[in-house]
Amino acid sequence: MSIKFTKLSQVLVVAAIASLFAVEAQAEMKPLDDAFKDAYHKRGKDAFKQSSLLYQIINMDGLLGFPEQHISADGKAVDQLYQKALTQQTSSGEYLVTRDLENPYNTSLRENPSYIAF
């Protein structure tokens, strides 16, 4: 009597294929300027890639979307990253305070304890 392993073999094949395409988790975050550059060029390409003949044909047909759609998607990605960076910066609990610029006066309103801010 033979046991058929069709279901088990199918599951094993699917698991093997899925493990080939598995994405590793990144332990480190990108610097903020690199993240902005990646978001800026997410859909749209730089001028050298856009000037190739193949890219021109693809743009005319709109197969991968039109340039205006790429610009809009890139703008949205940059805005989302900007909003996320602002929230992350303000959620740290500490305010970023810098000294006033040099001026002819020896004190500023911020350093004066009798000044009451509205």
Protein backbone atom coordinates (compact mmCIF):
# COMPACT_ATOMS: atom_id res chain seq x y z
CA MET A 1 0.00 0.00 0.00
CA SER A 2 1.58 3.26 -1.07
CA ILE A 3 0.95 6.57 0.66
CA LYS A 4 0.50 9.53 -1.64
CA PHE A 5 2.25 12.67 -0.49
CA THR A 6 0.73 15.02 -3.05
CA LYS A 7 -0.64 17.52 -0.54
CA LEU A 8 2.50 17.42 1.56
CA SER A 9 4.77 17.77 -1.46
CA GLN A 10 2.72 20.72 -2.72
CA VAL A 11 3.03 22.44 0.64
CA LEU A 12 6.78 21.81 0.70
CA VAL A 13 7.23 23.17 -2.83
CA VAL A 14 5.23 26.31 -2.01
CA ALA A 15 7.23 26.81 1.20
CA ALA A 16 10.52 26.38 -0.66
CA ILE A 17 9.52 28.91 -3.32
CA ALA A 18 8.28 31.36 -0.70
CA SER A 19 11.57 31.12 1.19
CA LEU A 20 13.47 32.03 -1.97
CA PHE A 21 11.59 35.30 -2.24
CA ALA A 22 11.56 36.12 1.47
CA VAL A 23 12.74 39.60 2.35
CA GLU A 24 15.20 40.03 5.18
CA ALA A 25 14.29 42.45 7.94
CA GLN A 26 16.60 45.42 8.07
CA ALA A 27 17.94 46.10 11.53
CA GLU A 28 19.27 49.53 10.72
CA MET A 29 17.35 52.51 9.42
CA LYS A 30 18.46 54.58 6.46
CA PRO A 31 19.72 58.07 7.11
CA LEU A 32 16.99 60.60 6.54
CA ASP A 33 18.59 62.17 3.48
CA ASP A 34 18.89 58.77 1.76
CA ALA A 35 15.27 58.02 2.59
CA PHE A 36 14.20 61.31 0.98
CA LYS A 37 16.27 60.58 -2.14
CA ASP A 38 14.70 57.13 -2.44
CA ALA A 39 11.20 58.55 -1.99
CA TYR A 40 11.90 61.29 -4.55
CA HIS A 41 13.01 58.77 -7.19
CA LYS A 42 10.56 56.00 -6.28
CA ARG A 43 8.47 56.02 -9.47
CA GLY A 44 10.09 58.68 -11.63
CA LYS A 45 13.58 58.12 -12.97
CA ASP A 46 16.44 60.52 -13.42
CA ALA A 47 17.03 62.39 -16.67
CA PHE A 48 19.51 59.86 -18.06
CA LYS A 49 17.11 56.94 -17.72
CA GLN A 50 14.21 58.96 -19.10
CA SER A 51 16.09 59.91 -22.25
CA SER A 52 16.59 56.33 -23.45
CA LEU A 53 14.59 55.20 -26.47
CA LEU A 54 12.87 52.37 -24.62
CA TYR A 55 11.74 54.67 -21.82
CA GLN A 56 10.41 57.18 -24.36
CA ILE A 57 8.30 54.47 -26.02
CA ILE A 58 7.01 53.25 -22.67
CA ASN A 59 6.06 56.83 -21.72
CA MET A 60 4.18 57.43 -24.97
CA ASP A 61 2.16 54.25 -24.53
CA GLY A 62 1.61 54.80 -20.82
CA LEU A 63 2.36 51.16 -20.08
CA LEU A 64 3.86 51.90 -16.69
CA GLY A 65 2.00 55.15 -16.18
CA PHE A 66 2.61 58.61 -17.52
CA PRO A 67 5.36 60.94 -16.20
CA GLU A 68 2.78 63.17 -14.50
CA GLN A 69 1.52 60.20 -12.52
CA HIS A 70 5.10 59.34 -11.51
CA ILE A 71 5.71 62.90 -10.34
CA SER A 72 2.49 62.85 -8.34
CA ALA A 73 3.33 59.50 -6.70
CA ASP A 74 6.85 60.68 -5.85
CA GLY A 75 5.47 63.88 -4.33
CA LYS A 76 3.06 61.89 -2.21
CA ALA A 77 5.86 59.57 -1.03
CA VAL A 78 8.06 62.54 -0.09
CA ASP A 79 5.18 64.20 1.78
CA GLN A 80 4.41 61.01 3.71
CA LEU A 81 8.08 60.64 4.66
CA TYR A 82 8.23 64.31 5.70
CA GLN A 83 5.13 63.96 7.89
CA LYS A 84 6.55 60.78 9.44
CA ALA A 85 9.91 62.48 10.13
CA LEU A 86 8.18 65.46 11.75
CA THR A 87 6.09 63.21 14.00
CA GLN A 88 9.16 61.22 14.95
CA GLN A 89 11.09 64.38 15.73
CA THR A 90 8.35 65.90 17.89
CA SER A 91 7.52 62.68 19.71
CA SER A 92 10.94 62.49 21.36
CA GLY A 93 9.70 64.76 24.14
CA GLU A 94 12.53 67.29 23.92
CA TYR A 95 12.15 70.62 22.20
CA LEU A 96 14.90 71.77 19.90
CA VAL A 97 16.03 75.12 21.21
CA THR A 98 18.86 77.14 19.74
CA ARG A 99 20.46 80.30 20.97
CA ASP A 100 19.46 83.55 19.40
CA LEU A 101 21.58 85.17 16.75
CA GLU A 102 24.22 87.64 17.80
CA ASN A 103 22.79 91.11 18.33
CA PRO A 104 23.89 94.35 20.00
CA TYR A 105 21.79 93.62 23.10
CA ASN A 106 23.13 91.60 25.99
CA THR A 107 19.91 89.59 26.68
CA SER A 108 16.97 88.24 24.74
CA LEU A 109 13.29 87.90 25.58
CA ARG A 110 13.62 84.14 25.88
CA GLU A 111 16.33 84.46 28.54
CA ASN A 112 14.41 87.12 30.52
CA PRO A 113 12.47 85.46 33.36
CA SER A 114 10.03 88.34 33.73
CA TYR A 115 8.80 87.92 30.14
CA ILE A 116 5.49 86.07 29.96
CA ALA A 117 4.77 84.40 26.65
CA PHE A 118 1.21 84.41 25.41
